Structure formats: C-alpha cells, structure tokens
N, C-alpha and C. Protein backbone atom coordinates (compact mmCIF):
# COMPACT_ATOMS: atom_id res chain seq x y z
N MET A 1 1.16 -1.25 0.02
CA MET A 1 -0.44 0.27 0.29
C MET A 1 0.99 1.63 0.20
N ARG A 2 1.78 1.09 0.92
CA ARG A 2 2.82 2.39 1.10
C ARG A 2 3.29 2.50 -0.08
N THR A 3 3.94 1.55 -1.03
CA THR A 3 4.86 1.49 -2.01
C THR A 3 3.88 2.35 -3.20
N PHE A 4 2.47 2.04 -3.84
CA PHE A 4 1.09 2.01 -3.93
C PHE A 4 1.11 4.23 -3.60
N LEU A 5 1.35 4.57 -2.47
CA LEU A 5 1.16 5.53 -2.21
C LEU A 5 2.15 6.50 -2.98
N LYS A 6 2.95 5.96 -2.53
CA LYS A 6 4.33 6.88 -3.27
C LYS A 6 4.47 7.11 -4.80
N THR A 7 4.14 5.94 -5.39
CA THR A 7 4.01 5.95 -7.11
C THR A 7 3.46 6.79 -7.23
N LEU A 8 1.67 6.53 -6.99
CA LEU A 8 0.77 7.63 -7.26
C LEU A 8 1.48 8.95 -7.02
N LEU A 9 1.87 9.69 -5.65
CA LEU A 9 2.17 11.02 -5.25
C LEU A 9 3.40 11.28 -6.79
N ALA A 10 4.17 10.51 -7.18
CA ALA A 10 5.34 10.57 -7.83
C ALA A 10 4.93 11.42 -9.61
N ILE A 11 3.89 10.17 -10.15
CA ILE A 11 2.51 10.46 -11.05
C ILE A 11 2.21 11.93 -10.92
N LEU A 12 1.47 12.66 -9.70
CA LEU A 12 0.66 13.59 -9.79
C LEU A 12 2.26 15.32 -9.87
N LEU A 13 2.84 14.83 -8.79
CA LEU A 13 4.27 15.53 -9.20
C LEU A 13 4.83 16.15 -10.30
N LEU A 14 4.79 15.03 -11.24
CA LEU A 14 5.75 14.40 -12.22
C LEU A 14 5.51 15.91 -13.21
N PRO A 15 4.09 16.86 -13.42
CA PRO A 15 3.93 17.67 -14.17
C PRO A 15 4.28 18.97 -13.71
N VAL A 16 4.36 19.00 -12.05
CA VAL A 16 4.57 20.40 -11.54
C VAL A 16 6.53 19.95 -11.63
N LEU A 17 7.24 19.00 -11.55
CA LEU A 17 8.54 19.60 -11.06
C LEU A 17 9.06 19.52 -12.41
N ALA A 18 8.05 19.24 -13.93
CA ALA A 18 8.77 19.28 -14.95
C ALA A 18 8.40 20.87 -15.40
N ALA A 19 7.21 21.77 -14.87
CA ALA A 19 6.62 23.13 -15.23
C ALA A 19 7.94 23.96 -14.50
N ALA A 20 8.62 23.06 -13.04
CA ALA A 20 9.61 24.53 -12.53
C ALA A 20 10.54 24.24 -12.94
N GLN A 21 10.85 23.14 -13.79
CA GLN A 21 12.31 23.13 -14.45
C GLN A 21 12.45 23.80 -15.86
N SER A 22 11.33 24.21 -16.56
CA SER A 22 11.87 24.54 -17.85
C SER A 22 10.47 26.14 -17.74
N ASN A 23 11.33 26.58 -18.64
CA ASN A 23 10.26 28.13 -18.37
C ASN A 23 10.65 29.12 -19.64
N TYR A 24 9.73 28.02 -20.66
CA TYR A 24 9.74 28.58 -22.10
C TYR A 24 9.06 29.86 -22.49
N LYS A 25 10.16 30.77 -23.37
CA LYS A 25 9.64 31.91 -22.94
C LYS A 25 9.95 32.48 -24.32
N ALA A 26 9.06 32.94 -25.36
CA ALA A 26 9.37 33.64 -27.07
C ALA A 26 10.56 34.25 -26.82
N GLY A 27 11.43 34.06 -28.31
CA GLY A 27 12.42 34.34 -28.47
C GLY A 27 13.43 34.03 -29.77
N TYR A 28 14.06 34.35 -30.25
CA TYR A 28 14.66 33.87 -31.22
C TYR A 28 16.42 33.61 -31.26
N VAL A 29 16.86 32.59 -32.18
CA VAL A 29 18.48 32.73 -31.76
C VAL A 29 19.23 32.96 -33.22
N ILE A 30 20.26 34.02 -33.27
CA ILE A 30 20.70 33.98 -34.86
C ILE A 30 22.00 33.18 -34.69
N THR A 31 22.22 32.25 -35.64
CA THR A 31 22.99 31.01 -35.28
C THR A 31 24.32 31.69 -36.40
N VAL A 32 25.87 31.09 -35.84
CA VAL A 32 27.20 31.56 -36.36
C VAL A 32 27.08 32.11 -38.32
N LYS A 33 26.30 31.38 -38.57
CA LYS A 33 26.50 31.58 -40.10
C LYS A 33 25.15 32.82 -40.91
N GLY A 34 24.50 33.56 -39.65
CA GLY A 34 23.59 34.93 -39.48
C GLY A 34 22.20 34.54 -39.91
N ASP A 35 22.07 33.11 -39.59
CA ASP A 35 20.56 32.60 -39.89
C ASP A 35 19.79 33.09 -38.70
N THR A 36 18.29 33.66 -38.95
CA THR A 36 17.59 33.86 -37.30
C THR A 36 16.73 32.79 -37.36
N ILE A 37 16.40 31.74 -36.17
CA ILE A 37 15.49 31.67 -36.18
C ILE A 37 14.66 31.98 -34.77
N LYS A 38 13.11 31.33 -35.32
CA LYS A 38 12.18 32.49 -34.00
C LYS A 38 12.03 30.90 -33.48
N GLY A 39 10.98 31.08 -31.98
CA GLY A 39 10.28 29.54 -31.50
C GLY A 39 10.71 29.86 -29.74
N PHE A 40 10.85 29.45 -29.11
CA PHE A 40 11.06 29.46 -27.45
C PHE A 40 12.31 28.64 -26.94
N ILE A 41 12.58 29.70 -25.81
CA ILE A 41 13.89 29.34 -24.75
C ILE A 41 13.80 29.52 -23.86
N ASN A 42 14.66 28.54 -22.97
CA ASN A 42 14.06 27.87 -22.16
C ASN A 42 15.25 28.85 -21.34
N TYR A 43 13.94 30.12 -19.99
CA TYR A 43 14.63 31.36 -19.82
C TYR A 43 14.58 30.54 -18.24
N LYS A 44 16.08 30.95 -17.73
CA LYS A 44 16.46 30.34 -16.21
C LYS A 44 16.98 31.52 -14.96
N GLY A 45 16.57 32.71 -15.93
CA GLY A 45 16.92 34.19 -14.99
C GLY A 45 17.96 33.82 -14.32
N TRP A 46 19.19 33.21 -14.98
CA TRP A 46 20.85 33.12 -14.83
C TRP A 46 21.26 33.86 -14.38
N ASP A 47 21.86 33.37 -13.12
CA ASP A 47 22.93 34.12 -12.21
C ASP A 47 24.45 33.76 -12.52
N LEU A 48 24.28 33.16 -13.05
CA LEU A 48 25.95 32.78 -14.00
C LEU A 48 25.38 32.56 -15.58
N ASN A 49 26.70 33.38 -16.41
CA ASN A 49 26.06 33.34 -17.91
C ASN A 49 26.21 32.09 -18.19
N PRO A 50 25.05 31.77 -19.00
CA PRO A 50 24.16 30.17 -19.16
C PRO A 50 25.50 30.26 -20.58
N ARG A 51 26.34 29.01 -20.83
CA ARG A 51 27.11 28.38 -21.92
C ARG A 51 26.36 27.45 -23.10
N VAL A 52 25.18 27.12 -22.64
CA VAL A 52 24.61 26.16 -23.52
C VAL A 52 23.11 26.53 -23.14
N ILE A 53 21.96 27.27 -24.10
CA ILE A 53 20.39 26.95 -23.71
C ILE A 53 19.60 26.15 -24.33
N LYS A 54 18.43 25.61 -24.44
CA LYS A 54 17.71 24.76 -25.06
C LYS A 54 16.41 26.06 -25.10
N PHE A 55 16.33 25.22 -26.65
CA PHE A 55 15.85 25.75 -27.89
C PHE A 55 14.24 24.79 -28.67
N LYS A 56 13.14 25.20 -28.61
CA LYS A 56 12.20 24.71 -29.19
C LYS A 56 11.44 25.77 -29.96
N LYS A 57 11.18 25.18 -31.79
CA LYS A 57 10.85 25.55 -32.59
C LYS A 57 9.15 25.83 -32.04
N THR A 58 8.83 24.95 -31.61
CA THR A 58 7.22 25.02 -31.07
C THR A 58 7.07 24.87 -29.64
N LEU A 59 6.54 25.01 -28.74
CA LEU A 59 6.43 24.31 -27.47
C LEU A 59 5.72 22.49 -28.24
N LYS A 60 5.54 22.14 -28.65
CA LYS A 60 5.12 20.68 -28.63
C LYS A 60 6.07 19.92 -29.17
N GLU A 61 7.27 20.54 -30.08
CA GLU A 61 8.38 19.99 -30.34
C GLU A 61 9.78 19.56 -28.70
N ASP A 62 10.56 18.78 -29.55
CA ASP A 62 11.31 18.57 -28.75
C ASP A 62 12.56 19.76 -28.37
N ALA A 63 13.53 19.74 -27.26
CA ALA A 63 14.01 20.51 -26.90
C ALA A 63 15.63 20.07 -27.99
N ILE A 64 16.22 21.68 -28.19
CA ILE A 64 17.21 21.24 -28.58
C ILE A 64 18.42 22.23 -28.29
N LYS A 65 19.79 22.32 -27.85
CA LYS A 65 20.38 22.09 -27.12
C LYS A 65 21.61 23.57 -28.34
N PHE A 66 21.82 24.98 -27.79
CA PHE A 66 22.61 25.40 -28.77
C PHE A 66 23.34 25.79 -27.62
N SER A 67 24.84 26.16 -28.68
CA SER A 67 26.05 26.64 -27.27
C SER A 67 26.26 27.31 -27.97
N VAL A 68 27.79 28.29 -27.61
CA VAL A 68 28.47 29.26 -28.13
C VAL A 68 28.85 28.78 -29.13
N SER A 69 29.42 27.99 -29.47
CA SER A 69 29.61 27.25 -30.73
C SER A 69 28.29 27.23 -32.42
N ASP A 70 27.68 27.49 -31.63
CA ASP A 70 26.06 27.30 -32.43
C ASP A 70 25.31 28.69 -32.44
N ILE A 71 25.26 29.29 -31.85
CA ILE A 71 24.88 30.24 -32.23
C ILE A 71 25.36 32.03 -31.66
N SER A 72 25.14 33.02 -32.24
CA SER A 72 26.34 34.33 -31.91
C SER A 72 24.89 35.56 -31.14
N TYR A 73 23.87 35.09 -30.88
CA TYR A 73 22.90 36.49 -30.00
C TYR A 73 21.73 35.09 -29.98
N PHE A 74 21.05 35.05 -28.86
CA PHE A 74 20.21 35.23 -28.61
C PHE A 74 18.79 36.18 -27.86
N SER A 75 17.72 36.05 -28.38
CA SER A 75 17.23 36.86 -27.53
C SER A 75 15.82 36.18 -26.84
N VAL A 76 15.84 36.27 -25.12
CA VAL A 76 14.12 35.97 -24.45
C VAL A 76 13.47 37.14 -24.66
N GLY A 77 12.55 37.53 -25.52
CA GLY A 77 11.26 38.87 -25.95
C GLY A 77 12.34 39.61 -25.06
N LYS A 78 11.71 40.83 -24.27
CA LYS A 78 12.18 41.94 -23.86
C LYS A 78 12.83 41.49 -22.04
N VAL A 79 13.27 40.14 -21.87
CA VAL A 79 13.66 39.71 -20.75
C VAL A 79 15.13 39.99 -20.89
N ALA A 80 15.84 39.30 -21.52
CA ALA A 80 17.55 39.53 -21.88
C ALA A 80 17.29 38.74 -23.08
N ARG A 81 19.07 39.29 -23.15
CA ARG A 81 19.89 39.47 -24.50
C ARG A 81 21.19 39.12 -24.74
N TYR A 82 21.84 38.38 -25.13
CA TYR A 82 22.96 37.64 -25.19
C TYR A 82 23.61 37.41 -26.31
N GLN A 83 24.80 37.64 -26.45
CA GLN A 83 25.30 37.97 -27.52
C GLN A 83 26.69 37.59 -27.33
N ARG A 84 27.42 36.55 -28.66
CA ARG A 84 28.90 35.84 -28.78
C ARG A 84 29.82 36.31 -28.16
N TYR A 85 30.41 36.34 -27.17
CA TYR A 85 32.27 36.95 -27.30
C TYR A 85 33.58 36.34 -27.26
N ILE A 86 34.25 36.50 -27.93
CA ILE A 86 35.41 35.34 -28.54
C ILE A 86 36.63 35.97 -28.12
N GLY A 87 37.16 36.38 -26.88
CA GLY A 87 38.05 37.21 -26.27
C GLY A 87 39.01 36.59 -24.67
N LEU A 88 39.54 37.67 -24.12
CA LEU A 88 40.00 37.18 -22.80
C LEU A 88 39.26 37.69 -21.72
N ILE A 89 38.96 37.19 -20.53
CA ILE A 89 38.27 37.78 -19.55
C ILE A 89 39.46 37.30 -18.72
N SER A 90 39.03 38.37 -17.45
CA SER A 90 40.04 38.62 -16.54
C SER A 90 39.75 37.43 -15.34
N MET A 91 40.60 36.88 -14.62
CA MET A 91 40.84 35.49 -14.20
C MET A 91 41.01 36.03 -12.47
N ASP A 92 41.45 37.34 -11.57
CA ASP A 92 41.99 37.82 -10.65
C ASP A 92 40.17 37.92 -9.52
N ASN A 93 40.80 37.02 -8.38
CA ASN A 93 38.94 36.88 -7.42
C ASN A 93 38.93 38.41 -6.85
N VAL A 94 38.32 39.36 -6.67
CA VAL A 94 37.81 40.31 -6.51
C VAL A 94 37.13 40.49 -4.82
N SER A 95 36.85 39.38 -4.50
CA SER A 95 36.15 38.74 -3.19
C SER A 95 36.72 39.45 -2.35
N GLU A 96 35.83 40.51 -1.35
CA GLU A 96 36.35 41.27 0.07
C GLU A 96 37.26 39.60 1.18
N ASP A 97 36.24 38.78 0.85
CA ASP A 97 35.88 37.27 1.44
C ASP A 97 37.09 36.53 1.16
N HIS A 98 38.06 36.71 0.21
CA HIS A 98 39.11 35.67 -0.58
C HIS A 98 40.03 36.41 -1.36
N MET A 99 40.17 37.82 -0.52
CA MET A 99 41.05 38.78 -0.80
C MET A 99 43.18 38.29 -1.46
N ILE A 100 43.14 38.31 -2.12
CA ILE A 100 44.49 38.16 -2.89
C ILE A 100 45.66 39.14 -2.26
N GLU A 101 46.94 38.44 -2.03
CA GLU A 101 48.16 39.29 -1.24
C GLU A 101 48.38 39.84 -2.66
N PHE A 102 48.34 40.25 -3.69
CA PHE A 102 49.21 40.64 -5.10
C PHE A 102 48.05 41.03 -5.49
N ARG A 103 49.45 41.92 -7.02
CA ARG A 103 48.16 42.23 -8.26
C ARG A 103 47.73 41.34 -8.86
N ASP A 104 46.74 40.79 -9.54
CA ASP A 104 46.77 39.46 -10.47
C ASP A 104 46.45 40.21 -11.40
N THR A 105 47.26 39.68 -12.54
CA THR A 105 46.60 40.86 -13.76
C THR A 105 46.29 39.68 -14.70
N SER A 106 45.80 38.58 -14.55
CA SER A 106 45.86 36.84 -15.27
C SER A 106 44.55 36.79 -15.87
N TYR A 107 44.63 36.73 -17.77
CA TYR A 107 43.46 36.45 -18.06
C TYR A 107 43.61 35.05 -19.00
N LYS A 108 42.38 34.75 -19.07
CA LYS A 108 42.24 33.70 -20.69
C LYS A 108 41.54 33.75 -21.30
N ALA A 109 41.53 32.83 -22.79
CA ALA A 109 40.79 33.81 -24.08
C ALA A 109 39.96 31.98 -23.23
N ASP A 110 38.83 32.73 -24.28
CA ASP A 110 37.54 32.09 -24.11
C ASP A 110 36.59 32.79 -24.54
N THR A 111 35.09 31.70 -25.25
CA THR A 111 34.13 32.24 -26.17
C THR A 111 33.09 31.84 -25.32
N VAL A 112 32.27 32.64 -24.84
CA VAL A 112 30.98 33.24 -23.81
C VAL A 112 29.63 33.91 -24.17
N PHE A 113 28.84 34.01 -23.54
CA PHE A 113 27.89 34.54 -23.95
C PHE A 113 27.82 36.11 -23.40
N LEU A 114 27.83 36.66 -23.49
CA LEU A 114 27.71 38.16 -22.92
C LEU A 114 26.06 38.67 -22.52
N GLU A 115 25.60 39.27 -21.29
CA GLU A 115 24.47 39.44 -21.55
C GLU A 115 24.12 41.26 -21.75
N ILE A 116 23.43 41.50 -22.91
CA ILE A 116 23.63 43.52 -22.88
C ILE A 116 22.84 43.85 -21.55
N LEU A 117 22.85 44.96 -21.47
CA LEU A 117 23.13 44.96 -19.98
C LEU A 117 22.10 46.69 -20.67
N GLN A 118 22.57 46.88 -21.49
CA GLN A 118 22.20 48.35 -22.23
C GLN A 118 23.02 48.94 -23.37
N LYS A 119 22.10 49.55 -24.15
CA LYS A 119 22.72 49.56 -25.92
C LYS A 119 22.34 50.93 -26.22
N GLY A 120 23.10 51.63 -26.27
CA GLY A 120 22.83 52.94 -26.81
C GLY A 120 23.39 53.89 -28.15
N LYS A 121 23.24 54.81 -28.41
CA LYS A 121 23.87 55.19 -29.60
C LYS A 121 25.33 55.73 -29.60
N ASN A 122 25.86 56.13 -28.33
CA ASN A 122 27.32 55.71 -28.53
C ASN A 122 27.90 54.53 -27.59
N ILE A 123 27.25 53.84 -26.93
CA ILE A 123 27.94 52.61 -26.27
C ILE A 123 27.28 52.07 -25.78
N ALA A 124 27.55 50.10 -25.17
CA ALA A 124 26.78 49.40 -24.73
C ALA A 124 27.75 48.77 -23.43
N LEU A 125 27.00 48.59 -22.62
CA LEU A 125 27.37 47.73 -21.83
C LEU A 125 26.50 45.86 -21.59
N TYR A 126 27.92 45.18 -21.11
CA TYR A 126 27.78 44.02 -21.09
C TYR A 126 28.47 43.24 -19.87
N SER A 127 27.70 42.23 -19.48
CA SER A 127 28.01 41.50 -18.24
C SER A 127 28.20 40.13 -18.76
N PHE A 128 29.47 39.80 -17.86
CA PHE A 128 29.41 38.14 -18.02
C PHE A 128 29.95 37.65 -16.16
N SER A 129 29.43 36.83 -15.94
CA SER A 129 29.45 36.15 -14.42
C SER A 129 29.44 34.47 -14.52
N ASP A 130 30.47 34.09 -13.79
CA ASP A 130 30.81 33.03 -13.46
C ASP A 130 31.34 32.47 -11.82
N ALA A 131 31.28 31.59 -11.64
CA ALA A 131 32.00 31.17 -10.91
C ALA A 131 32.82 32.20 -9.16
N ILE A 132 34.02 32.39 -10.50
CA ILE A 132 35.17 33.47 -10.30
C ILE A 132 34.70 35.04 -9.62
N LYS A 133 33.56 35.81 -10.33
CA LYS A 133 33.51 37.05 -10.24
C LYS A 133 31.93 37.79 -11.30
N SER A 134 31.87 38.86 -11.70
CA SER A 134 30.73 39.28 -12.23
C SER A 134 32.08 40.48 -13.19
N ARG A 135 31.84 40.30 -14.25
CA ARG A 135 33.03 40.94 -15.25
C ARG A 135 31.87 42.39 -16.01
N PHE A 136 32.28 43.59 -15.90
CA PHE A 136 31.41 43.95 -16.81
C PHE A 136 32.43 44.55 -18.15
N PHE A 137 31.80 44.66 -19.60
CA PHE A 137 32.13 45.16 -20.97
C PHE A 137 31.55 46.34 -21.07
N VAL A 138 31.96 47.07 -22.29
CA VAL A 138 31.44 48.16 -22.82
C VAL A 138 32.34 47.88 -24.13
N GLY A 139 31.31 48.52 -24.94
CA GLY A 139 31.48 48.23 -26.65
C GLY A 139 31.37 49.54 -26.71
N GLU A 140 31.98 50.64 -28.37
CA GLU A 140 31.39 51.35 -28.70
C GLU A 140 31.10 51.23 -30.20
N ASN A 141 30.80 52.37 -30.14
CA ASN A 141 29.47 52.46 -31.85
C ASN A 141 30.58 52.26 -32.57
N PRO A 142 30.61 51.99 -34.25
CA PRO A 142 29.55 51.37 -34.62
C PRO A 142 29.00 49.74 -34.37
N ASP A 143 30.37 49.25 -33.99
CA ASP A 143 30.38 47.55 -33.70
C ASP A 143 30.81 47.37 -32.87
N TYR A 144 30.48 48.14 -32.02
CA TYR A 144 30.23 48.15 -30.55
C TYR A 144 30.66 46.29 -29.88
N ALA A 145 32.24 46.36 -30.07
CA ALA A 145 33.00 45.25 -30.23
C ALA A 145 33.32 45.36 -28.23
N PRO A 146 32.99 44.53 -27.57
CA PRO A 146 33.23 44.37 -25.84
C PRO A 146 34.66 44.68 -25.23
N VAL A 147 35.09 45.29 -24.27
CA VAL A 147 36.52 45.53 -23.68
C VAL A 147 35.92 45.40 -22.66
N GLU A 148 36.85 44.39 -21.78
CA GLU A 148 36.37 44.93 -19.86
C GLU A 148 37.16 46.07 -19.63
N LEU A 149 35.75 46.25 -18.85
CA LEU A 149 36.44 47.12 -17.86
C LEU A 149 37.13 46.70 -16.26
N VAL A 150 37.95 47.00 -15.81
CA VAL A 150 39.36 46.97 -15.59
C VAL A 150 38.73 47.45 -13.98
N TYR A 151 38.83 45.70 -13.43
CA TYR A 151 38.37 46.04 -11.56
C TYR A 151 39.36 45.28 -11.00
N ARG A 152 39.91 45.56 -9.64
CA ARG A 152 41.04 44.66 -8.89
C ARG A 152 41.11 45.08 -8.12
N LEU A 153 41.25 43.87 -6.58
CA LEU A 153 41.02 44.35 -5.36
C LEU A 153 42.03 43.05 -4.37
N TYR A 154 42.76 43.88 -4.23
CA TYR A 154 43.92 43.20 -3.79
C TYR A 154 44.40 43.31 -2.54
N TYR A 155 44.89 42.84 -1.95
CA TYR A 155 46.11 43.98 -0.52
C TYR A 155 47.73 43.30 -0.66
N ASP A 156 47.94 45.05 -0.92
CA ASP A 156 49.54 44.76 -1.00
C ASP A 156 50.29 45.14 0.56
N LEU A 157 51.34 43.78 -0.62
CA LEU A 157 52.26 44.12 1.39
C LEU A 157 53.64 44.62 1.08
N ASP A 158 53.05 45.18 -0.30
CA ASP A 158 54.85 45.95 -0.70
C ASP A 158 54.40 47.23 -0.24
N HIS A 159 53.50 47.75 0.13
CA HIS A 159 53.56 49.05 0.65
C HIS A 159 52.60 49.15 1.86
N ALA A 160 53.64 49.16 2.88
CA ALA A 160 53.27 48.87 4.09
C ALA A 160 52.03 50.33 4.66
N ASP A 161 51.69 50.49 5.73
CA ASP A 161 51.23 51.59 6.58
C ASP A 161 52.09 51.79 7.45
N PHE A 162 52.61 53.13 7.69
CA PHE A 162 53.69 54.05 8.21
C PHE A 162 53.29 53.14 9.70
N GLU A 163 52.09 53.50 10.16
CA GLU A 163 52.17 53.26 11.65
C GLU A 163 51.96 51.85 12.04
N THR A 164 50.90 51.56 11.44
CA THR A 164 51.19 49.88 11.64
C THR A 164 51.77 48.87 10.72
N GLU A 165 52.94 49.31 9.71
CA GLU A 165 53.33 48.80 9.60
C GLU A 165 52.75 47.16 8.46
N LYS A 166 51.42 47.31 8.30
CA LYS A 166 51.20 46.46 7.74
C LYS A 166 51.04 46.71 6.15
N GLY A 167 50.50 46.11 5.06
CA GLY A 167 50.09 46.13 3.86
C GLY A 167 48.62 47.39 3.56
N ARG A 168 48.02 47.33 2.90
CA ARG A 168 47.45 47.96 2.41
C ARG A 168 46.08 47.26 1.66
N THR A 169 44.88 47.95 1.52
CA THR A 169 43.80 46.81 0.37
C THR A 169 43.91 48.24 -0.66
N VAL A 170 44.02 47.45 -1.72
CA VAL A 170 43.97 48.56 -2.78
C VAL A 170 42.19 48.46 -3.93
N ASN A 171 42.09 49.09 -4.22
CA ASN A 171 40.71 48.99 -4.77
C ASN A 171 41.77 50.40 -6.61
N GLU A 172 41.59 48.90 -7.36
CA GLU A 172 41.83 49.69 -8.77
C GLU A 172 40.91 49.78 -9.49
N ASN A 173 40.77 50.96 -9.41
CA ASN A 173 39.09 51.35 -10.57
C ASN A 173 39.26 51.90 -11.81
N THR A 174 40.27 50.86 -11.97
CA THR A 174 40.46 51.13 -13.91
C THR A 174 39.34 52.07 -15.09
N TYR A 175 38.15 50.94 -14.36
CA TYR A 175 36.92 50.96 -15.32
C TYR A 175 36.08 52.68 -15.23
N MET A 176 36.66 52.99 -14.06
CA MET A 176 36.47 54.92 -13.71
C MET A 176 36.70 55.26 -14.90
N LYS A 177 38.38 55.68 -15.37
CA LYS A 177 38.85 55.94 -16.14
C LYS A 177 38.27 55.56 -17.28
N GLN A 178 38.21 54.21 -18.26
CA GLN A 178 37.61 54.34 -18.82
C GLN A 178 36.11 54.75 -19.33
N LEU A 179 35.39 54.61 -18.34
CA LEU A 179 33.77 55.26 -18.75
C LEU A 179 33.86 56.69 -18.95
N PHE A 180 34.78 57.45 -18.13
CA PHE A 180 34.96 59.05 -17.74
C PHE A 180 35.80 59.32 -19.48
N ALA A 181 35.84 58.57 -20.03
CA ALA A 181 36.85 59.23 -21.35
C ALA A 181 35.97 58.99 -22.48
N PHE A 182 34.87 57.56 -22.18
CA PHE A 182 33.78 57.61 -22.94
C PHE A 182 32.77 59.52 -23.15
N ALA A 183 32.42 59.55 -21.50
CA ALA A 183 31.67 60.71 -20.93
C ALA A 183 32.40 62.04 -21.98
N VAL A 184 33.63 62.39 -21.11
CA VAL A 184 34.84 63.02 -22.02
C VAL A 184 34.33 63.18 -23.54
N LYS A 185 34.08 62.41 -24.11
CA LYS A 185 34.32 62.38 -26.00
C LYS A 185 32.65 62.30 -26.39
N TYR A 186 31.73 62.16 -25.37
CA TYR A 186 30.01 62.48 -25.82
C TYR A 186 30.09 63.32 -25.32
N ASN A 187 30.03 64.39 -24.73
CA ASN A 187 29.61 65.44 -23.74
C ASN A 187 28.83 64.72 -22.48
N ALA A 188 29.19 64.01 -22.13
CA ALA A 188 28.64 63.62 -20.91
C ALA A 188 29.12 63.58 -19.40
N ASP A 189 29.87 64.41 -19.64
CA ASP A 189 30.52 64.22 -18.10
C ASP A 189 30.02 65.55 -16.99
N SER A 190 28.85 65.51 -16.71
CA SER A 190 28.30 65.76 -15.56
C SER A 190 28.62 65.36 -14.46
N PRO A 191 28.09 66.55 -13.57
CA PRO A 191 28.27 66.13 -11.99
C PRO A 191 27.34 64.98 -11.42
N ALA A 192 26.35 64.88 -12.05
CA ALA A 192 25.36 63.59 -11.95
C ALA A 192 26.12 62.50 -12.17
N LEU A 193 26.73 62.09 -13.42
CA LEU A 193 26.76 61.14 -14.17
C LEU A 193 28.58 60.86 -12.86
N MET A 194 29.42 61.66 -12.42
CA MET A 194 30.68 61.85 -11.51
C MET A 194 30.33 60.63 -10.70
N ARG A 195 29.35 61.76 -9.66
CA ARG A 195 28.77 60.91 -8.45
C ARG A 195 28.81 59.76 -8.84
N GLU A 196 28.35 59.01 -9.77
CA GLU A 196 27.73 57.93 -9.65
C GLU A 196 28.68 57.29 -9.94
N LEU A 197 29.89 57.45 -10.54
CA LEU A 197 30.91 56.91 -10.85
C LEU A 197 32.07 56.39 -9.51
N ASN A 198 31.73 57.81 -9.08
CA ASN A 198 32.74 58.31 -7.74
C ASN A 198 31.76 57.81 -6.60
N TYR A 199 30.61 57.90 -6.49
CA TYR A 199 30.32 56.97 -4.80
C TYR A 199 29.55 55.48 -4.47
N TYR A 200 29.64 55.00 -6.46
CA TYR A 200 29.04 53.84 -5.54
C TYR A 200 29.87 52.81 -6.41
N GLY A 201 30.00 52.32 -7.11
CA GLY A 201 30.34 50.92 -7.18
C GLY A 201 30.81 50.42 -8.81
N TYR A 202 31.48 48.80 -8.84
CA TYR A 202 31.36 48.76 -10.15
C TYR A 202 30.12 47.38 -9.37
N LYS A 203 29.12 47.57 -9.78
CA LYS A 203 28.00 47.36 -10.19
C LYS A 203 26.94 47.45 -11.33
N ASP A 204 26.29 46.26 -11.76
CA ASP A 204 25.24 46.47 -12.88
C ASP A 204 24.16 47.60 -12.52
N TYR A 205 24.25 47.44 -11.33
CA TYR A 205 22.49 48.65 -11.59
C TYR A 205 23.38 50.13 -11.90
N TYR A 206 24.22 50.61 -11.33
CA TYR A 206 25.09 51.69 -11.43
C TYR A 206 25.43 52.00 -12.11
N LEU A 207 26.31 51.24 -12.61
CA LEU A 207 27.48 51.10 -14.31
C LEU A 207 25.90 50.91 -15.43
N VAL A 208 24.93 51.00 -15.09
CA VAL A 208 23.86 51.13 -16.18
C VAL A 208 23.61 52.29 -16.14
N GLN A 209 22.99 53.09 -15.34
CA GLN A 209 22.99 54.61 -15.11
C GLN A 209 23.77 55.72 -15.95
N VAL A 210 25.46 55.10 -15.52
CA VAL A 210 26.34 55.62 -16.45
C VAL A 210 26.05 55.65 -17.74
N VAL A 211 26.16 54.19 -18.17
CA VAL A 211 26.00 54.08 -19.75
C VAL A 211 24.54 55.41 -20.23
N LYS A 212 23.76 55.04 -19.65
CA LYS A 212 22.70 56.10 -20.10
C LYS A 212 22.80 56.99 -20.22
N MET A 213 24.10 58.00 -19.24
CA MET A 213 23.68 58.94 -19.56
C MET A 213 24.87 59.26 -20.18
N ILE A 214 25.63 58.52 -20.72
CA ILE A 214 26.75 58.62 -21.84
C ILE A 214 26.22 58.74 -23.17
N ASN A 215 24.78 57.60 -23.37
CA ASN A 215 24.01 57.78 -24.36
C ASN A 215 23.05 58.73 -24.71
N GLU A 216 23.07 58.89 -23.57
CA GLU A 216 22.06 60.42 -23.96
C GLU A 216 22.37 62.01 -23.83
N GLY A 217 24.33 61.79 -23.62
CA GLY A 217 25.33 63.14 -24.08
C GLY A 217 24.97 64.31 -22.85
N SER A 218 25.25 65.45 -24.36
CA SER A 218 25.38 66.47 -23.69
C SER A 218 23.44 66.64 -23.09
N LYS A 219 22.33 66.09 -23.73
CA LYS A 219 20.68 66.69 -23.44
C LYS A 219 20.89 66.21 -22.09
C-alpha cells in the first residue's frame, strides 16, 4: 500500500516538477552563419551566464541545445539579450572574503555569452558572471566590440602602512577612467555622472545608469 501511494504521488508531482524545471519564453537565436530562428527559449533567469541554452521551434517539439559554438546571439523577448564574445576574460578574484595578497593580472581566452545590459547610440554595456566573479564590458558604436571594464581588489604587502607596518587594501578602479573617457568624448561628463562613478561601484545597476547618461550625451 505504501509503495502504491509513493508511486501515485510521484505521478501527480511529475507535471509540477517538469514545469518548475522549464520556463519557455518566446525568443529567437541567430546562428553563427547569420540565420535567424524564431521559437522558444528555456529562460532560467541565470545568475551565471549560460554556455548552453535549450530551444524549441514550437512548444510541442523536443528541445534542442545551442551553445556558444552554434549561435552568436539570442534574445528572450524583452527579458534578456545575450551575444557571443570571443576574447580575453580576467581571472583575478575580487571578493573581500578571499582577498589575494598580490596584483593578479591574469586573463584567459574564452568564448562565452555576454548579457547585454544597456545599448544606446554611443556605447553598450555587457556583463559576464561565472563562479569566480562578475565582470563588465563596454563596446563603442559602430561595432560595439566588447572591452572589459577593469576592476581589481587586492592586498598590497609591498606598501605598508606607516603606523601599523602592515599592507594596504587596493581598489584599482580603472573602469572609472575608461567610462570617464567616453563621457568626455560624448559631452556627458556631468556632476550627476561623476557622482555615479565616484560614490557607487562596480555593480550592474550603477554602471547601467552611467552608460545611459553617456548615451544621452550633452542632453
């Protein structure tokens, strides 16, 4: 009797579990050959950028998988947009809980999907998150080719504090200089933009605001 109840419960829960594991939304992909295919994408609200997505031309069909080797772009309605990036990605850890004691400038060549966070007439902002950290990239019109916005956090033992004779924490905010250069170029170096750059940080929300300001220019 107990075995029968377990089996019955599993059968009843199967549709619920299946629904929880899939969330197909209307979208499209662009293949590496340039073909556009409309259909439905299993959108997971990814915290880490996906390397493979599940796609259906119709909801009744079986899903097929597309990886960074197969497609150059995909869009999930108005929810999310991703494009393929082939290039260098920084590998240093910027977590305050696991702060390194040297300036790590290591990169690796990779092929990934970048999420498009904001794209306007002047520049675009992209993001890529993996198990190491979140990174942001900027691309300029007309081709919007992504270049990483550089941020490093480390403990510098070579520069000791005079009083404590200990090292110091270094926030290397190169990304501020990169974005400020675009702001000057497009006449957007306003007090509001400088406030966003100086008082906030290397976070998606604040960087989106800065990029929006740069795209609005002298307006």
